[in-house]
PDB file of N, CA and C in Angstrom:
ATOM      1  N   MET A   1      -3.503  22.798   2.437  1.00  0.00           N
ATOM      2  CA  MET A   1      -3.609  21.386   2.747  1.00  0.00           C
ATOM      3  C   MET A   1      -2.150  20.849   2.680  1.00  0.00           C
ATOM      4  N   GLY A   2      -1.984  20.009   3.913  1.00  0.00           N
ATOM      5  CA  GLY A   2      -0.691  19.535   3.889  1.00  0.00           C
ATOM      6  C   GLY A   2      -0.514  17.940   3.230  1.00  0.00           C
ATOM      7  N   THR A   3       0.648  17.613   3.287  1.00  0.00           N
ATOM      8  CA  THR A   3       0.951  16.377   2.847  1.00  0.00           C
ATOM      9  C   THR A   3       0.299  15.262   3.431  1.00  0.00           C
ATOM     10  N   GLU A   4       0.294  15.285   4.681  1.00  0.00           N
ATOM     11  CA  GLU A   4      -0.413  14.360   5.552  1.00  0.00           C
ATOM     12  C   GLU A   4      -1.969  14.133   5.153  1.00  0.00           C
ATOM     13  N   THR A   5      -2.551  15.264   5.065  1.00  0.00           N
ATOM     14  CA  THR A   5      -3.876  15.311   4.670  1.00  0.00           C
ATOM     15  C   THR A   5      -4.092  14.829   3.305  1.00  0.00           C
ATOM     16  N   ILE A   6      -3.379  15.096   2.349  1.00  0.00           N
ATOM     17  CA  ILE A   6      -3.454  14.487   0.934  1.00  0.00           C
ATOM     18  C   ILE A   6      -3.273  13.011   0.968  1.00  0.00           C
ATOM     19  N   PHE A   7      -2.363  12.482   1.813  1.00  0.00           N
ATOM     20  CA  PHE A   7      -2.026  11.165   1.837  1.00  0.00           C
ATOM     21  C   PHE A   7      -3.207  10.297   2.486  1.00  0.00           C
ATOM     22  N   ASN A   8      -3.861  11.113   3.375  1.00  0.00           N
ATOM     23  CA  ASN A   8      -5.112  10.296   4.132  1.00  0.00           C
ATOM     24  C   ASN A   8      -6.197  10.256   3.138  1.00  0.00           C
ATOM     25  N   ILE A   9      -6.269  11.364   2.267  1.00  0.00           N
ATOM     26  CA  ILE A   9      -7.400  11.271   1.305  1.00  0.00           C
ATOM     27  C   ILE A   9      -7.101  10.228   0.229  1.00  0.00           C
ATOM     28  N   ILE A  10      -5.942  10.222  -0.100  1.00  0.00           N
ATOM     29  CA  ILE A  10      -5.586   9.179  -1.113  1.00  0.00           C
ATOM     30  C   ILE A  10      -5.654   7.685  -0.765  1.00  0.00           C
ATOM     31  N   CYS A  11      -5.370   7.406   0.536  1.00  0.00           N
ATOM     32  CA  CYS A  11      -5.334   5.978   1.165  1.00  0.00           C
ATOM     33  C   CYS A  11      -6.898   5.713   1.371  1.00  0.00           C
ATOM     34  N   ALA A  12      -7.728   6.745   1.821  1.00  0.00           N
ATOM     35  CA  ALA A  12      -9.288   6.448   1.805  1.00  0.00           C
ATOM     36  C   ALA A  12      -9.778   6.105   0.575  1.00  0.00           C
ATOM     37  N   ALA A  13      -9.466   6.692  -0.427  1.00  0.00           N
ATOM     38  CA  ALA A  13      -9.932   6.575  -1.915  1.00  0.00           C
ATOM     39  C   ALA A  13      -9.508   5.236  -2.328  1.00  0.00           C
ATOM     40  N   ALA A  14      -8.264   4.972  -2.098  1.00  0.00           N
ATOM     41  CA  ALA A  14      -7.601   3.707  -2.454  1.00  0.00           C
ATOM     42  C   ALA A  14      -8.271   2.580  -1.809  1.00  0.00           C
ATOM     43  N   ALA A  15      -8.573   2.744  -0.640  1.00  0.00           N
ATOM     44  CA  ALA A  15      -9.326   1.748   0.321  1.00  0.00           C
ATOM     45  C   ALA A  15     -10.883   1.202  -0.398  1.00  0.00           C
ATOM     46  N   VAL A  16     -11.371   2.377  -0.748  1.00  0.00           N
ATOM     47  CA  VAL A  16     -12.824   2.217  -1.376  1.00  0.00           C
ATOM     48  C   VAL A  16     -12.683   1.437  -2.629  1.00  0.00           C
ATOM     49  N   ILE A  17     -11.693   1.864  -3.373  1.00  0.00           N
ATOM     50  CA  ILE A  17     -11.492   1.393  -4.743  1.00  0.00           C
ATOM     51  C   ILE A  17     -11.070  -0.072  -4.492  1.00  0.00           C
ATOM     52  N   MET A  18     -10.322  -0.275  -3.723  1.00  0.00           N
ATOM     53  CA  MET A  18      -9.964  -1.989  -3.573  1.00  0.00           C
ATOM     54  C   MET A  18     -11.030  -2.704  -2.898  1.00  0.00           C
ATOM     55  N   LEU A  19     -12.010  -2.162  -1.987  1.00  0.00           N
ATOM     56  CA  LEU A  19     -13.041  -2.714  -1.424  1.00  0.00           C
ATOM     57  C   LEU A  19     -13.907  -3.097  -2.705  1.00  0.00           C
ATOM     58  N   VAL A  20     -14.336  -2.131  -3.622  1.00  0.00           N
ATOM     59  CA  VAL A  20     -15.184  -2.294  -4.604  1.00  0.00           C
ATOM     60  C   VAL A  20     -14.733  -3.539  -5.654  1.00  0.00           C
ATOM     61  N   TYR A  21     -13.194  -3.377  -5.858  1.00  0.00           N
ATOM     62  CA  TYR A  21     -12.643  -4.216  -6.863  1.00  0.00           C
ATOM     63  C   TYR A  21     -12.746  -5.737  -6.159  1.00  0.00           C
ATOM     64  N   TYR A  22     -12.577  -5.953  -4.860  1.00  0.00           N
ATOM     65  CA  TYR A  22     -12.765  -7.200  -4.409  1.00  0.00           C
ATOM     66  C   TYR A  22     -13.990  -7.855  -4.290  1.00  0.00           C
ATOM     67  N   MET A  23     -15.088  -6.856  -4.073  1.00  0.00           N
ATOM     68  CA  MET A  23     -16.438  -7.356  -3.950  1.00  0.00           C
ATOM     69  C   MET A  23     -16.812  -7.721  -5.435  1.00  0.00           C
ATOM     70  N   ARG A  24     -16.305  -7.134  -6.384  1.00  0.00           N
ATOM     71  CA  ARG A  24     -16.764  -7.666  -7.808  1.00  0.00           C
ATOM     72  C   ARG A  24     -16.156  -8.709  -8.347  1.00  0.00           C
ATOM     73  N   ARG A  25     -15.069  -9.399  -7.610  1.00  0.00           N
ATOM     74  CA  ARG A  25     -14.351 -10.444  -8.016  1.00  0.00           C
ATOM     75  C   ARG A  25     -15.112 -11.661  -7.788  1.00  0.00           C
ATOM     76  N   ARG A  26     -14.843 -12.755  -8.604  1.00  0.00           N
ATOM     77  CA  ARG A  26     -15.595 -14.059  -8.315  1.00  0.00           C
ATOM     78  C   ARG A  26     -15.154 -14.771  -7.035  1.00  0.00           C
ATOM     79  N   ARG A  27     -13.763 -14.639  -7.140  1.00  0.00           N
ATOM     80  CA  ARG A  27     -12.995 -15.349  -5.952  1.00  0.00           C
ATOM     81  C   ARG A  27     -12.641 -14.326  -5.061  1.00  0.00           C
ATOM     82  N   LYS A  28     -13.374 -13.685  -4.053  1.00  0.00           N
ATOM     83  CA  LYS A  28     -13.198 -12.620  -3.273  1.00  0.00           C
ATOM     84  C   LYS A  28     -12.073 -12.779  -2.361  1.00  0.00           C
ATOM     85  N   LEU A  29     -11.997 -14.015  -1.646  1.00  0.00           N
ATOM     86  CA  LEU A  29     -11.067 -14.418  -0.609  1.00  0.00           C
ATOM     87  C   LEU A  29      -9.614 -14.527  -1.329  1.00  0.00           C
ATOM     88  N   LEU A  30      -9.587 -15.357  -2.404  1.00  0.00           N
ATOM     89  CA  LEU A  30      -8.486 -15.589  -3.059  1.00  0.00           C
ATOM     90  C   LEU A  30      -7.665 -14.263  -3.772  1.00  0.00           C
ATOM     91  N   SER A  31      -8.657 -13.399  -4.132  1.00  0.00           N
ATOM     92  CA  SER A  31      -8.118 -12.043  -4.683  1.00  0.00           C
ATOM     93  C   SER A  31      -7.666 -11.155  -3.554  1.00  0.00           C
ATOM     94  N   PHE A  32      -8.249 -11.245  -2.508  1.00  0.00           N
ATOM     95  CA  PHE A  32      -7.859 -10.235  -1.329  1.00  0.00           C
ATOM     96  C   PHE A  32      -6.552 -10.896  -0.912  1.00  0.00           C
ATOM     97  N   ALA A  33      -6.377 -12.264  -0.712  1.00  0.00           N
ATOM     98  CA  ALA A  33      -5.118 -12.931  -0.232  1.00  0.00           C
ATOM     99  C   ALA A  33      -3.956 -12.601  -1.307  1.00  0.00           C
ATOM    100  N   PHE A  34      -4.136 -12.653  -2.495  1.00  0.00           N
ATOM    101  CA  PHE A  34      -3.163 -12.300  -3.328  1.00  0.00           C
ATOM    102  C   PHE A  34      -2.815 -10.951  -3.318  1.00  0.00           C
ATOM    103  N   GLY A  35      -3.644  -9.917  -3.144  1.00  0.00           N
ATOM    104  CA  GLY A  35      -3.403  -8.564  -3.139  1.00  0.00           C
ATOM    105  C   GLY A  35      -2.540  -8.203  -1.823  1.00  0.00           C
ATOM    106  N   SER A  36      -2.967  -8.798  -0.752  1.00  0.00           N
ATOM    107  CA  SER A  36      -2.276  -8.752   0.543  1.00  0.00           C
ATOM    108  C   SER A  36      -0.725  -9.237   0.571  1.00  0.00           C
ATOM    109  N   VAL A  37      -0.799 -10.418  -0.088  1.00  0.00           N
ATOM    110  CA  VAL A  37       0.545 -10.916  -0.044  1.00  0.00           C
ATOM    111  C   VAL A  37       1.733 -10.162  -0.966  1.00  0.00           C
ATOM    112  N   THR A  38       1.102  -9.732  -2.078  1.00  0.00           N
ATOM    113  CA  THR A  38       2.110  -8.913  -3.093  1.00  0.00           C
ATOM    114  C   THR A  38       2.178  -7.605  -2.336  1.00  0.00           C
ATOM    115  N   GLY A  39       1.194  -7.062  -1.703  1.00  0.00           N
ATOM    116  CA  GLY A  39       1.523  -5.857  -0.958  1.00  0.00           C
ATOM    117  C   GLY A  39       2.604  -5.904   0.097  1.00  0.00           C
ATOM    118  N   ILE A  40       2.561  -6.968   0.765  1.00  0.00           N
ATOM    119  CA  ILE A  40       3.342  -7.239   1.859  1.00  0.00           C
ATOM    120  C   ILE A  40       4.864  -7.400   1.252  1.00  0.00           C
ATOM    121  N   ILE A  41       4.899  -8.233   0.297  1.00  0.00           N
ATOM    122  CA  ILE A  41       6.225  -8.545  -0.382  1.00  0.00           C
ATOM    123  C   ILE A  41       6.807  -7.284  -1.042  1.00  0.00           C
ATOM    124  N   ALA A  42       5.951  -6.192  -1.569  1.00  0.00           N
ATOM    125  CA  ALA A  42       6.408  -5.188  -2.156  1.00  0.00           C
ATOM    126  C   ALA A  42       6.937  -4.176  -0.951  1.00  0.00           C
ATOM    127  N   LEU A  43       6.306  -4.143   0.238  1.00  0.00           N
ATOM    128  CA  LEU A  43       6.712  -3.389   1.309  1.00  0.00           C
ATOM    129  C   LEU A  43       8.172  -3.763   1.760  1.00  0.00           C
ATOM    130  N   PHE A  44       8.408  -5.141   1.886  1.00  0.00           N
ATOM    131  CA  PHE A  44       9.474  -5.838   2.258  1.00  0.00           C
ATOM    132  C   PHE A  44      10.549  -5.434   1.221  1.00  0.00           C
ATOM    133  N   LEU A  45      10.459  -5.540   0.038  1.00  0.00           N
ATOM    134  CA  LEU A  45      11.428  -5.057  -0.972  1.00  0.00           C
ATOM    135  C   LEU A  45      11.910  -3.723  -0.796  1.00  0.00           C
ATOM    136  N   VAL A  46      10.772  -2.707  -0.823  1.00  0.00           N
ATOM    137  CA  VAL A  46      11.158  -1.376  -0.483  1.00  0.00           C
ATOM    138  C   VAL A  46      12.012  -1.184   0.600  1.00  0.00           C
ATOM    139  N   ASP A  47      11.489  -1.905   1.686  1.00  0.00           N
ATOM    140  CA  ASP A  47      12.350  -1.610   3.019  1.00  0.00           C
ATOM    141  C   ASP A  47      13.705  -2.243   2.976  1.00  0.00           C
ATOM    142  N   SER A  48      13.868  -3.307   2.145  1.00  0.00           N
ATOM    143  CA  SER A  48      15.164  -3.984   1.950  1.00  0.00           C
ATOM    144  C   SER A  48      16.155  -3.107   0.958  1.00  0.00           C
ATOM    145  N   TYR A  49      15.511  -2.709  -0.119  1.00  0.00           N
ATOM    146  CA  TYR A  49      16.427  -2.254  -1.238  1.00  0.00           C
ATOM    147  C   TYR A  49      16.112  -0.758  -1.553  1.00  0.00           C
ATOM    148  N   GLY A  50      15.272  -0.054  -0.688  1.00  0.00           N
ATOM    149  CA  GLY A  50      14.822   1.296  -0.876  1.00  0.00           C
ATOM    150  C   GLY A  50      15.964   2.333  -0.814  1.00  0.00           C
ATOM    151  N   TYR A  51      16.963   1.961  -0.197  1.00  0.00           N
ATOM    152  CA  TYR A  51      18.053   2.903  -0.003  1.00  0.00           C
ATOM    153  C   TYR A  51      18.805   3.133  -1.256  1.00  0.00           C
ATOM    154  N   ILE A  52      18.599   2.326  -2.087  1.00  0.00           N
ATOM    155  CA  ILE A  52      19.285   2.583  -3.603  1.00  0.00           C
ATOM    156  C   ILE A  52      18.769   3.891  -4.117  1.00  0.00           C
ATOM    157  N   VAL A  53      17.444   4.082  -3.920  1.00  0.00           N
ATOM    158  CA  VAL A  53      16.798   5.270  -4.604  1.00  0.00           C
ATOM    159  C   VAL A  53      16.437   6.328  -3.386  1.00  0.00           C
ATOM    160  N   GLY A  54      16.848   5.893  -2.152  1.00  0.00           N
ATOM    161  CA  GLY A  54      16.497   6.841  -1.049  1.00  0.00           C
ATOM    162  C   GLY A  54      15.075   6.945  -0.508  1.00  0.00           C
ATOM    163  N   ALA A  55      14.471   5.758  -0.681  1.00  0.00           N
ATOM    164  CA  ALA A  55      13.169   5.595  -0.095  1.00  0.00           C
ATOM    165  C   ALA A  55      12.846   4.329   0.785  1.00  0.00           C
ATOM    166  N   GLU A  56      13.633   4.428   1.892  1.00  0.00           N
ATOM    167  CA  GLU A  56      13.353   3.428   2.851  1.00  0.00           C
ATOM    168  C   GLU A  56      12.143   3.438   3.570  1.00  0.00           C
ATOM    169  N   LEU A  57      11.176   2.602   3.530  1.00  0.00           N
ATOM    170  CA  LEU A  57      10.133   2.686   4.611  1.00  0.00           C
ATOM    171  C   LEU A  57      10.188   1.824   5.699  1.00  0.00           C
ATOM    172  N   PRO A  58       9.871   2.288   6.833  1.00  0.00           N
ATOM    173  CA  PRO A  58       9.885   1.551   8.103  1.00  0.00           C
ATOM    174  C   PRO A  58       8.793   0.476   8.104  1.00  0.00           C
ATOM    175  N   LEU A  59       9.102  -0.554   8.676  1.00  0.00           N
ATOM    176  CA  LEU A  59       8.197  -1.548   9.002  1.00  0.00           C
ATOM    177  C   LEU A  59       7.501  -1.358  10.208  1.00  0.00           C
ATOM    178  N   ASN A  60       6.524  -0.564  10.232  1.00  0.00           N
ATOM    179  CA  ASN A  60       5.717  -0.372  11.461  1.00  0.00           C
ATOM    180  C   ASN A  60       4.275  -0.807  11.134  1.00  0.00           C
ATOM    181  N   LEU A  61       3.383  -0.644  12.145  1.00  0.00           N
ATOM    182  CA  LEU A  61       2.077  -1.138  12.026  1.00  0.00           C
ATOM    183  C   LEU A  61       1.238  -0.534  10.939  1.00  0.00           C
ATOM    184  N   PHE A  62       1.371   0.810  10.772  1.00  0.00           N
ATOM    185  CA  PHE A  62       0.616   1.440   9.733  1.00  0.00           C
ATOM    186  C   PHE A  62       1.080   0.869   8.353  1.00  0.00           C
ATOM    187  N   ASN A  63       2.323   0.696   8.025  1.00  0.00           N
ATOM    188  CA  ASN A  63       2.666   0.408   6.614  1.00  0.00           C
ATOM    189  C   ASN A  63       2.419  -1.114   6.483  1.00  0.00           C
ATOM    190  N   VAL A  64       2.497  -1.899   7.292  1.00  0.00           N
ATOM    191  CA  VAL A  64       2.155  -3.286   7.133  1.00  0.00           C
ATOM    192  C   VAL A  64       0.700  -3.540   6.960  1.00  0.00           C
ATOM    193  N   CYS A  65      -0.140  -2.808   7.888  1.00  0.00           N
ATOM    194  CA  CYS A  65      -1.677  -3.043   7.766  1.00  0.00           C
ATOM    195  C   CYS A  65      -2.074  -2.285   6.391  1.00  0.00           C
ATOM    196  N   GLY A  66      -1.545  -1.150   5.954  1.00  0.00           N
ATOM    197  CA  GLY A  66      -1.921  -0.568   4.760  1.00  0.00           C
ATOM    198  C   GLY A  66      -1.529  -1.421   3.528  1.00  0.00           C
ATOM    199  N   SER A  67      -0.394  -2.007   3.634  1.00  0.00           N
ATOM    200  CA  SER A  67       0.150  -2.821   2.438  1.00  0.00           C
ATOM    201  C   SER A  67      -0.658  -4.206   2.324  1.00  0.00           C
ATOM    202  N   ALA A  68      -1.253  -4.593   3.533  1.00  0.00           N
ATOM    203  CA  ALA A  68      -1.993  -5.785   3.569  1.00  0.00           C
ATOM    204  C   ALA A  68      -3.298  -5.536   2.985  1.00  0.00           C
ATOM    205  N   VAL A  69      -3.972  -4.305   3.173  1.00  0.00           N
ATOM    206  CA  VAL A  69      -5.394  -4.265   2.867  1.00  0.00           C
ATOM    207  C   VAL A  69      -5.402  -3.580   1.587  1.00  0.00           C
ATOM    208  N   LEU A  70      -4.466  -2.665   1.205  1.00  0.00           N
ATOM    209  CA  LEU A  70      -4.478  -1.876  -0.128  1.00  0.00           C
ATOM    210  C   LEU A  70      -3.463  -2.612  -1.331  1.00  0.00           C
ATOM    211  N   GLY A  71      -2.505  -3.195  -0.660  1.00  0.00           N
ATOM    212  CA  GLY A  71      -1.676  -3.984  -1.803  1.00  0.00           C
ATOM    213  C   GLY A  71      -0.696  -2.909  -2.216  1.00  0.00           C
ATOM    214  N   VAL A  72      -0.033  -3.464  -3.352  1.00  0.00           N
ATOM    215  CA  VAL A  72       1.008  -2.641  -4.111  1.00  0.00           C
ATOM    216  C   VAL A  72       0.824  -1.061  -4.235  1.00  0.00           C
ATOM    217  N   PRO A  73      -0.503  -0.750  -4.696  1.00  0.00           N
ATOM    218  CA  PRO A  73      -0.819   0.623  -4.628  1.00  0.00           C
ATOM    219  C   PRO A  73      -0.452   1.567  -3.560  1.00  0.00           C
ATOM    220  N   PHE A  74      -0.700   0.997  -2.318  1.00  0.00           N
ATOM    221  CA  PHE A  74      -0.178   1.651  -1.316  1.00  0.00           C
ATOM    222  C   PHE A  74       1.109   1.823  -1.113  1.00  0.00           C
ATOM    223  N   VAL A  75       1.982   0.910  -1.288  1.00  0.00           N
ATOM    224  CA  VAL A  75       3.397   0.801  -1.177  1.00  0.00           C
ATOM    225  C   VAL A  75       3.863   1.951  -2.217  1.00  0.00           C
ATOM    226  N   ILE A  76       3.385   1.910  -3.321  1.00  0.00           N
ATOM    227  CA  ILE A  76       3.869   2.808  -4.388  1.00  0.00           C
ATOM    228  C   ILE A  76       3.501   4.323  -3.852  1.00  0.00           C
ATOM    229  N   CYS A  77       2.396   4.469  -3.329  1.00  0.00           N
ATOM    230  CA  CYS A  77       1.952   5.960  -2.819  1.00  0.00           C
ATOM    231  C   CYS A  77       2.768   6.283  -1.841  1.00  0.00           C
ATOM    232  N   VAL A  78       3.065   5.394  -0.830  1.00  0.00           N
ATOM    233  CA  VAL A  78       3.900   5.737   0.351  1.00  0.00           C
ATOM    234  C   VAL A  78       5.275   6.146  -0.250  1.00  0.00           C
ATOM    235  N   THR A  79       6.021   5.361  -1.016  1.00  0.00           N
ATOM    236  CA  THR A  79       7.249   5.656  -1.626  1.00  0.00           C
ATOM    237  C   THR A  79       7.367   6.781  -2.359  1.00  0.00           C
ATOM    238  N   VAL A  80       6.213   7.168  -3.104  1.00  0.00           N
ATOM    239  CA  VAL A  80       6.361   8.566  -3.761  1.00  0.00           C
ATOM    240  C   VAL A  80       6.253   9.545  -2.779  1.00  0.00           C
ATOM    241  N   LEU A  81       5.578   9.495  -1.873  1.00  0.00           N
ATOM    242  CA  LEU A  81       5.378  10.509  -0.733  1.00  0.00           C
ATOM    243  C   LEU A  81       6.692  10.719  -0.092  1.00  0.00           C
ATOM    244  N   LYS A  82       7.334   9.512   0.073  1.00  0.00           N
ATOM    245  CA  LYS A  82       8.572   9.558   0.924  1.00  0.00           C
ATOM    246  C   LYS A  82       9.746  10.300   0.199  1.00  0.00           C
ATOM    247  N   LEU A  83       9.611  10.190  -1.306  1.00  0.00           N
ATOM    248  CA  LEU A  83      10.553  10.837  -2.183  1.00  0.00           C
ATOM    249  C   LEU A  83      10.353  12.402  -2.163  1.00  0.00           C
ATOM    250  N   LEU A  84       9.192  12.806  -1.985  1.00  0.00           N
ATOM    251  CA  LEU A  84       8.902  14.094  -1.954  1.00  0.00           C
ATOM    252  C   LEU A  84       9.441  14.948  -0.928  1.00  0.00           C
TER     253      LEU A  84
END
């Protein structure tokens, strides 16, 4: 099993977990908006300052959409995979 397959499985599991999390919240839209904003901010921070630890992430459509939907856990997962 390759790294890309493991990454896709982890992303799918994280998407399901985040969907369940958002659906159980009282303020679903506010919770989703906060998670999206923090995920995008984390992505921009890793893109800007990731060279310090050697984990620069490109700002492409996949990373921006992933961080908007999954939030900070997506950015952490992609950063760890980039370091491997």
